[in-house]
C-alpha atoms as a PDB file:
ATOM      1  CA  MET A   1      57.745  82.879 -16.568  1.00  0.00           C
ATOM      2  CA  THR A   2      54.194  81.783 -15.948  1.00  0.00           C
ATOM      3  CA  GLU A   3      52.220  79.429 -18.149  1.00  0.00           C
ATOM      4  CA  PRO A   4      49.332  80.908 -20.119  1.00  0.00           C
ATOM      5  CA  ARG A   5      45.947  80.369 -18.517  1.00  0.00           C
ATOM      6  CA  ARG A   6      44.071  77.423 -20.008  1.00  0.00           C
ATOM      7  CA  THR A   7      40.760  78.054 -21.669  1.00  0.00           C
ATOM      8  CA  GLU A   8      38.855  74.966 -20.641  1.00  0.00           C
ATOM      9  CA  THR A   9      35.642  74.344 -18.798  1.00  0.00           C
ATOM     10  CA  ASP A  10      35.664  72.831 -15.321  1.00  0.00           C
ATOM     11  CA  ALA A  11      34.511  69.524 -16.815  1.00  0.00           C
ATOM     12  CA  GLU A  12      37.327  69.588 -19.370  1.00  0.00           C
ATOM     13  CA  ARG A  13      39.874  70.391 -16.648  1.00  0.00           C
ATOM     14  CA  TRP A  14      38.723  67.504 -14.449  1.00  0.00           C
ATOM     15  CA  ASP A  15      38.778  65.150 -17.450  1.00  0.00           C
ATOM     16  CA  ARG A  16      42.318  66.272 -18.301  1.00  0.00           C
ATOM     17  CA  GLN A  17      43.528  65.976 -14.736  1.00  0.00           C
ATOM     18  CA  LEU A  18      42.118  62.479 -14.374  1.00  0.00           C
ATOM     19  CA  GLY A  19      43.729  61.444 -17.655  1.00  0.00           C
ATOM     20  CA  GLU A  20      47.082  62.859 -16.533  1.00  0.00           C
ATOM     21  CA  LEU A  21      46.835  61.131 -13.158  1.00  0.00           C
ATOM     22  CA  LEU A  22      46.031  57.768 -14.746  1.00  0.00           C
ATOM     23  CA  GLN A  23      48.992  58.183 -17.121  1.00  0.00           C
ATOM     24  CA  GLU A  24      51.266  58.850 -14.142  1.00  0.00           C
ATOM     25  CA  LEU A  25      50.002  55.695 -12.470  1.00  0.00           C
ATOM     26  CA  ARG A  26      50.786  53.729 -15.636  1.00  0.00           C
ATOM     27  CA  VAL A  27      54.398  54.802 -15.171  1.00  0.00           C
ATOM     28  CA  ALA A  28      54.611  54.073 -11.428  1.00  0.00           C
ATOM     29  CA  LEU A  29      52.779  50.771 -11.208  1.00  0.00           C
ATOM     30  CA  PRO A  30      55.167  48.541 -13.197  1.00  0.00           C
ATOM     31  CA  GLY A  31      58.056  49.536 -10.917  1.00  0.00           C
ATOM     32  CA  VAL A  32      56.012  48.798  -7.811  1.00  0.00           C
ATOM     33  CA  GLN A  33      54.930  45.458  -9.226  1.00  0.00           C
ATOM     34  CA  VAL A  34      58.508  44.438 -10.086  1.00  0.00           C
ATOM     35  CA  LEU A  35      59.667  45.332  -6.572  1.00  0.00           C
ATOM     36  CA  PHE A  36      56.750  43.422  -5.064  1.00  0.00           C
ATOM     37  CA  ALA A  37      57.459  40.369  -7.222  1.00  0.00           C
ATOM     38  CA  PHE A  38      61.133  40.457  -6.229  1.00  0.00           C
ATOM     39  CA  LEU A  39      60.263  40.676  -2.546  1.00  0.00           C
ATOM     40  CA  LEU A  40      57.815  37.786  -2.828  1.00  0.00           C
ATOM     41  CA  THR A  41      60.632  35.518  -4.066  1.00  0.00           C
ATOM     42  CA  VAL A  42      63.225  36.465  -1.431  1.00  0.00           C
ATOM     43  CA  PRO A  43      62.084  34.077   1.347  1.00  0.00           C
ATOM     44  CA  PHE A  44      62.420  31.162  -1.066  1.00  0.00           C
ATOM     45  CA  SER A  45      66.094  31.812  -1.770  1.00  0.00           C
ATOM     46  CA  ALA A  46      68.698  29.661  -0.047  1.00  0.00           C
ATOM     47  CA  ARG A  47      70.356  32.601   1.727  1.00  0.00           C
ATOM     48  CA  PHE A  48      67.163  33.831   3.394  1.00  0.00           C
ATOM     49  CA  ASP A  49      67.639  31.250   6.163  1.00  0.00           C
ATOM     50  CA  ASP A  50      70.864  33.087   7.084  1.00  0.00           C
ATOM     51  CA  ALA A  51      69.080  36.446   7.505  1.00  0.00           C
ATOM     52  CA  SER A  52      69.336  38.058  10.918  1.00  0.00           C
ATOM     53  CA  SER A  53      66.225  38.894  12.885  1.00  0.00           C
ATOM     54  CA  THR A  54      66.750  42.579  12.007  1.00  0.00           C
ATOM     55  CA  GLN A  55      66.983  41.733   8.302  1.00  0.00           C
ATOM     56  CA  ARG A  56      63.795  39.695   8.566  1.00  0.00           C
ATOM     57  CA  VAL A  57      61.963  42.607  10.206  1.00  0.00           C
ATOM     58  CA  VAL A  58      63.239  45.032   7.546  1.00  0.00           C
ATOM     59  CA  TYR A  59      62.200  42.548   4.861  1.00  0.00           C
ATOM     60  CA  PHE A  60      58.720  42.163   6.345  1.00  0.00           C
ATOM     61  CA  LEU A  61      58.183  45.924   6.717  1.00  0.00           C
ATOM     62  CA  THR A  62      59.457  46.495   3.179  1.00  0.00           C
ATOM     63  CA  LEU A  63      57.133  43.792   1.859  1.00  0.00           C
ATOM     64  CA  LEU A  64      54.198  45.423   3.673  1.00  0.00           C
ATOM     65  CA  CYS A  65      55.066  48.890   2.348  1.00  0.00           C
ATOM     66  CA  THR A  66      55.294  47.493  -1.170  1.00  0.00           C
ATOM     67  CA  GLY A  67      51.960  45.731  -0.791  1.00  0.00           C
ATOM     68  CA  VAL A  68      50.366  48.915   0.531  1.00  0.00           C
ATOM     69  CA  ALA A  69      51.907  50.943  -2.314  1.00  0.00           C
ATOM     70  CA  THR A  70      50.553  48.465  -4.866  1.00  0.00           C
ATOM     71  CA  VAL A  71      47.036  48.525  -3.440  1.00  0.00           C
ATOM     72  CA  VAL A  72      46.888  52.287  -2.865  1.00  0.00           C
ATOM     73  CA  LEU A  73      48.341  53.163  -6.282  1.00  0.00           C
ATOM     74  CA  MET A  74      45.776  50.907  -7.960  1.00  0.00           C
ATOM     75  CA  ALA A  75      42.905  52.339  -5.900  1.00  0.00           C
ATOM     76  CA  PRO A  76      42.341  55.417  -8.140  1.00  0.00           C
ATOM     77  CA  VAL A  77      41.447  53.064 -10.980  1.00  0.00           C
ATOM     78  CA  ALA A  78      38.849  51.365  -8.774  1.00  0.00           C
ATOM     79  CA  VAL A  79      37.496  54.733  -7.602  1.00  0.00           C
ATOM     80  CA  HIS A  80      37.110  55.870 -11.184  1.00  0.00           C
ATOM     81  CA  ARG A  81      35.555  52.606 -12.326  1.00  0.00           C
ATOM     82  CA  LEU A  82      32.973  52.615  -9.526  1.00  0.00           C
ATOM     83  CA  ARG A  83      32.093  56.333  -9.711  1.00  0.00           C
ATOM     84  CA  PHE A  84      32.639  57.544 -13.270  1.00  0.00           C
ATOM     85  CA  ARG A  85      28.964  57.483 -14.284  1.00  0.00           C
ATOM     86  CA  GLN A  86      27.831  59.558 -11.327  1.00  0.00           C
ATOM     87  CA  GLY A  87      28.919  62.899 -12.780  1.00  0.00           C
ATOM     88  CA  ARG A  88      31.342  63.493  -9.894  1.00  0.00           C
ATOM     89  CA  LYS A  89      34.633  63.788 -11.764  1.00  0.00           C
ATOM     90  CA  ARG A  90      35.958  66.473  -9.390  1.00  0.00           C
ATOM     91  CA  GLU A  91      35.540  64.191  -6.347  1.00  0.00           C
ATOM     92  CA  ILE A  92      37.081  61.280  -8.261  1.00  0.00           C
ATOM     93  CA  VAL A  93      40.132  63.354  -9.168  1.00  0.00           C
ATOM     94  CA  GLU A  94      40.548  64.698  -5.635  1.00  0.00           C
ATOM     95  CA  VAL A  95      40.320  61.242  -4.034  1.00  0.00           C
ATOM     96  CA  ALA A  96      42.609  59.748  -6.684  1.00  0.00           C
ATOM     97  CA  HIS A  97      45.124  62.550  -6.110  1.00  0.00           C
ATOM     98  CA  ARG A  98      45.264  61.856  -2.357  1.00  0.00           C
ATOM     99  CA  LEU A  99      45.513  58.099  -2.921  1.00  0.00           C
ATOM    100  CA  THR A 100      48.354  58.582  -5.379  1.00  0.00           C
ATOM    101  CA  LEU A 101      50.308  60.723  -2.917  1.00  0.00           C
ATOM    102  CA  ALA A 102      49.773  58.116  -0.182  1.00  0.00           C
ATOM    103  CA  GLY A 103      50.873  55.378  -2.577  1.00  0.00           C
ATOM    104  CA  LEU A 104      54.020  57.302  -3.475  1.00  0.00           C
ATOM    105  CA  ALA A 105      54.824  57.726   0.223  1.00  0.00           C
ATOM    106  CA  ALA A 106      54.462  53.961   0.762  1.00  0.00           C
ATOM    107  CA  LEU A 107      56.561  53.320  -2.343  1.00  0.00           C
ATOM    108  CA  GLY A 108      59.270  55.661  -1.078  1.00  0.00           C
ATOM    109  CA  LEU A 109      59.430  53.708   2.178  1.00  0.00           C
ATOM    110  CA  ALA A 110      59.460  50.416   0.269  1.00  0.00           C
ATOM    111  CA  VAL A 111      62.345  51.502  -1.972  1.00  0.00           C
ATOM    112  CA  THR A 112      64.250  52.736   1.062  1.00  0.00           C
ATOM    113  CA  GLY A 113      63.631  49.428   2.869  1.00  0.00           C
ATOM    114  CA  ALA A 114      64.769  47.414  -0.149  1.00  0.00           C
ATOM    115  CA  VAL A 115      67.976  49.450  -0.369  1.00  0.00           C
ATOM    116  CA  LEU A 116      68.511  48.988   3.372  1.00  0.00           C
ATOM    117  CA  LEU A 117      68.007  45.234   3.173  1.00  0.00           C
ATOM    118  CA  VAL A 118      70.205  44.574   0.147  1.00  0.00           C
ATOM    119  CA  THR A 119      72.967  46.921   1.295  1.00  0.00           C
ATOM    120  CA  ASP A 120      72.956  45.323   4.761  1.00  0.00           C
ATOM    121  CA  VAL A 121      73.445  41.867   3.223  1.00  0.00           C
ATOM    122  CA  LEU A 122      76.252  43.134   0.981  1.00  0.00           C
ATOM    123  CA  PHE A 123      78.129  45.586   3.206  1.00  0.00           C
ATOM    124  CA  GLY A 124      76.765  45.618   6.749  1.00  0.00           C
ATOM    125  CA  ILE A 125      74.373  47.714   8.751  1.00  0.00           C
ATOM    126  CA  VAL A 126      76.436  50.932   8.936  1.00  0.00           C
ATOM    127  CA  THR A 127      76.802  51.247   5.162  1.00  0.00           C
ATOM    128  CA  ALA A 128      73.192  50.142   4.791  1.00  0.00           C
ATOM    129  CA  GLY A 129      71.955  52.858   7.162  1.00  0.00           C
ATOM    130  CA  ILE A 130      73.902  55.559   5.354  1.00  0.00           C
ATOM    131  CA  THR A 131      72.809  54.343   1.918  1.00  0.00           C
ATOM    132  CA  ALA A 132      69.151  53.949   2.903  1.00  0.00           C
ATOM    133  CA  GLY A 133      69.171  57.364   4.581  1.00  0.00           C
ATOM    134  CA  GLY A 134      70.591  58.905   1.410  1.00  0.00           C
ATOM    135  CA  THR A 135      67.966  57.100  -0.651  1.00  0.00           C
ATOM    136  CA  LEU A 136      65.176  58.429   1.561  1.00  0.00           C
ATOM    137  CA  VAL A 137      66.539  61.976   1.343  1.00  0.00           C
ATOM    138  CA  LEU A 138      66.770  61.693  -2.451  1.00  0.00           C
ATOM    139  CA  ILE A 139      63.175  60.470  -2.645  1.00  0.00           C
ATOM    140  CA  VAL A 140      61.882  63.259  -0.422  1.00  0.00           C
ATOM    141  CA  VAL A 141      63.797  65.910  -2.342  1.00  0.00           C
ATOM    142  CA  LEU A 142      62.897  64.697  -5.854  1.00  0.00           C
ATOM    143  CA  TRP A 143      59.351  63.544  -5.160  1.00  0.00           C
ATOM    144  CA  TRP A 144      58.181  66.341  -2.800  1.00  0.00           C
ATOM    145  CA  VAL A 145      60.576  69.253  -2.330  1.00  0.00           C
ATOM    146  CA  VAL A 146      61.445  69.909  -5.992  1.00  0.00           C
ATOM    147  CA  PRO A 147      57.851  69.549  -7.271  1.00  0.00           C
ATOM    148  CA  SER A 148      56.540  71.739  -4.439  1.00  0.00           C
ATOM    149  CA  ARG A 149      59.022  74.479  -5.218  1.00  0.00           C
ATOM    150  CA  ALA A 150      58.446  74.182  -8.966  1.00  0.00           C
ATOM    151  CA  ALA A 151      54.748  74.717  -8.360  1.00  0.00           C
ATOM    152  CA  GLY A 152      55.409  77.715  -6.158  1.00  0.00           C
ATOM    153  CA  GLY A 153      54.100  75.777  -3.178  1.00  0.00           C
ATOM    154  CA  GLY A 154      50.598  75.649  -4.647  1.00  0.00           C
ATOM    155  CA  THR A 155      48.565  72.536  -5.296  1.00  0.00           C
ATOM    156  CA  SER A 156      45.817  73.846  -7.526  1.00  0.00           C
ATOM    157  CA  GLY A 157      46.713  71.511 -10.383  1.00  0.00           C
ATOM    158  CA  ARG A 158      45.503  73.928 -13.082  1.00  0.00           C
END
């Protein structure tokens, strides 16, 4: 069953799409910020001195991915704030859309890295690899495959 065609002007559609995108970011950003805050405290814990060199590398890469996700997911707000009076809503929405997808990709890697790190500390590298791999597959399936199929492979955003 297809959705009925909207009766809105181009300007109304771009306004709606920007509003929807900003609402989505309001959902994603608190999770990213909590993960980032957690990662910022890890080196100050007593057990961090016992981390292997591999765990330290995974931690560092995860911290970087989380930092990138935070910055990139906040970027659409900056784009909108700097450009909203220029009458270029379509360009704002398109740039914000691409930034959001990039931010979600960085977040997916950060979540996977966090799962890898914690599971390695708790159960060892083999269990950690399996668990992190499963987490990455779940993220790819639920964040990209399912939405792509639900949209019929299109990205028009109507």
